Protein backbone atom coordinates (compact mmCIF):
# COMPACT_ATOMS: atom_id res chain seq x y z
CA UNK A 1 -13.87 -17.40 -11.09
CA UNK A 2 -10.63 -16.06 -9.61
CA UNK A 3 -10.01 -12.34 -9.38
CA UNK A 4 -7.49 -10.88 -11.78
CA UNK A 5 -4.35 -9.86 -9.90
CA UNK A 6 -2.70 -6.55 -10.76
CA UNK A 7 1.03 -5.88 -10.79
CA UNK A 8 1.69 -3.04 -8.37
CA UNK A 9 3.77 -0.05 -9.49
CA UNK A 10 6.90 0.82 -7.55
CA UNK A 11 6.07 2.62 -4.30
CA UNK A 12 2.54 1.23 -4.10
CA UNK A 13 3.37 -1.37 -1.42
CA UNK A 14 4.44 1.43 0.95
CA UNK A 15 1.09 3.18 0.54
CA UNK A 16 -0.89 -0.04 0.93
CA UNK A 17 1.03 -1.10 4.04
CA UNK A 18 0.59 2.30 5.66
CA UNK A 19 -3.13 2.24 4.86
CA UNK A 20 -3.52 -1.28 6.26
CA UNK A 21 -1.91 -0.13 9.52
CA UNK A 22 -3.92 3.10 9.78
CA UNK A 23 -6.76 1.59 11.79
CA UNK A 24 -4.92 -0.86 14.03
CA UNK A 25 -1.55 -2.51 14.61
CA UNK A 26 -0.96 -5.75 12.76
CA UNK A 27 1.72 -8.39 12.68
CA UNK A 28 3.83 -8.75 9.55
CA UNK A 29 1.95 -11.01 7.18
CA UNK A 30 -1.46 -9.90 8.53
CA UNK A 31 -0.76 -6.56 6.86
CA UNK A 32 -0.40 -8.25 3.47
CA UNK A 33 -3.54 -10.30 4.06
CA UNK A 34 -5.46 -7.12 4.95
CA UNK A 35 -4.37 -5.45 1.69
CA UNK A 36 -5.54 -8.49 -0.24
CA UNK A 37 -8.85 -8.52 1.66
CA UNK A 38 -9.72 -4.83 1.26
CA UNK A 39 -8.86 -4.92 -2.45
CA UNK A 40 -11.28 -7.77 -3.11
CA UNK A 41 -8.38 -10.17 -3.71
CA UNK A 42 -7.14 -8.07 -6.65
CA UNK A 43 -4.02 -6.60 -5.05
CA UNK A 44 -1.32 -8.83 -3.68
CA UNK A 45 2.06 -7.71 -2.45
CA UNK A 46 4.76 -10.19 -3.42
CA UNK A 47 6.71 -11.45 -0.44
CA UNK A 48 10.01 -9.82 -1.50
CA UNK A 49 8.35 -6.45 -2.14
CA UNK A 50 6.35 -6.74 1.07
CA UNK A 51 9.31 -7.28 3.38
CA UNK A 52 11.41 -4.69 1.55
CA UNK A 53 8.62 -2.15 2.05
CA UNK A 54 8.25 -3.08 5.73
CA UNK A 55 11.98 -2.61 6.17
CA UNK A 56 11.85 0.86 4.54
CA UNK A 57 8.95 1.83 6.78
CA UNK A 58 10.45 0.61 10.06
CA UNK A 59 11.56 4.10 11.01
CA UNK A 60 7.89 5.19 10.78
CA UNK A 61 6.33 2.25 12.59
CA UNK A 62 6.69 0.59 15.96
CA UNK A 63 5.78 -3.08 15.97
CA UNK A 64 3.97 -2.36 12.73
CA UNK A 65 1.83 0.28 14.34
CA UNK A 66 1.92 3.70 12.76
CA UNK A 67 3.73 6.40 14.66
CA UNK A 68 3.01 10.09 14.01
CA UNK A 69 5.63 10.22 11.27
CA UNK A 70 4.05 7.16 9.66
CA UNK A 71 0.64 8.84 9.60
CA UNK A 72 2.20 11.92 7.96
CA UNK A 73 3.93 9.69 5.43
CA UNK A 74 0.60 7.96 4.71
CA UNK A 75 -0.99 11.31 3.87
CA UNK A 76 1.92 12.19 1.55
CA UNK A 77 1.75 8.78 -0.16
CA UNK A 78 -2.03 9.09 -0.61
CA UNK A 79 -1.65 12.55 -2.18
CA UNK A 80 1.05 11.29 -4.57
CA UNK A 81 -1.04 8.24 -5.44
CA UNK A 82 -4.05 10.47 -6.16
CA UNK A 83 -2.00 12.53 -8.60
CA UNK A 84 -0.65 9.41 -10.30
CA UNK A 85 -4.05 7.74 -10.68
CA UNK A 86 -5.63 10.96 -11.98
CA UNK A 87 -2.90 11.28 -14.62
CA UNK A 88 -3.17 7.62 -15.65
CA UNK A 89 -6.98 7.88 -15.85
CA UNK A 90 -6.62 10.65 -18.45
CA UNK A 91 -4.46 8.59 -20.80
CA UNK A 92 -7.10 6.19 -22.26
CA UNK A 93 -9.41 9.06 -23.24
CA UNK A 94 -6.64 11.19 -24.78
CA UNK A 95 -6.51 9.38 -28.12
């Protein structure tokens, strides 16, 4: 049975790309494959979103390796994501 793929909210590709690069440098598409792998094949970044996110992050990465500013951005993105997921998790039980 194939895993169900989830549509990513805006801004999520940036966080996922930064996280995929946190441990080691990767070449372009290997970053997307790593995201897919660590999510159990549930999360996929569409090609257009993927390259747009890489382009936005270029000032924070060198050869798709995180620089210091990229690591700081990753921490900010993770904090924002934590707030978002906590808020969304409250919605189903609020009825």
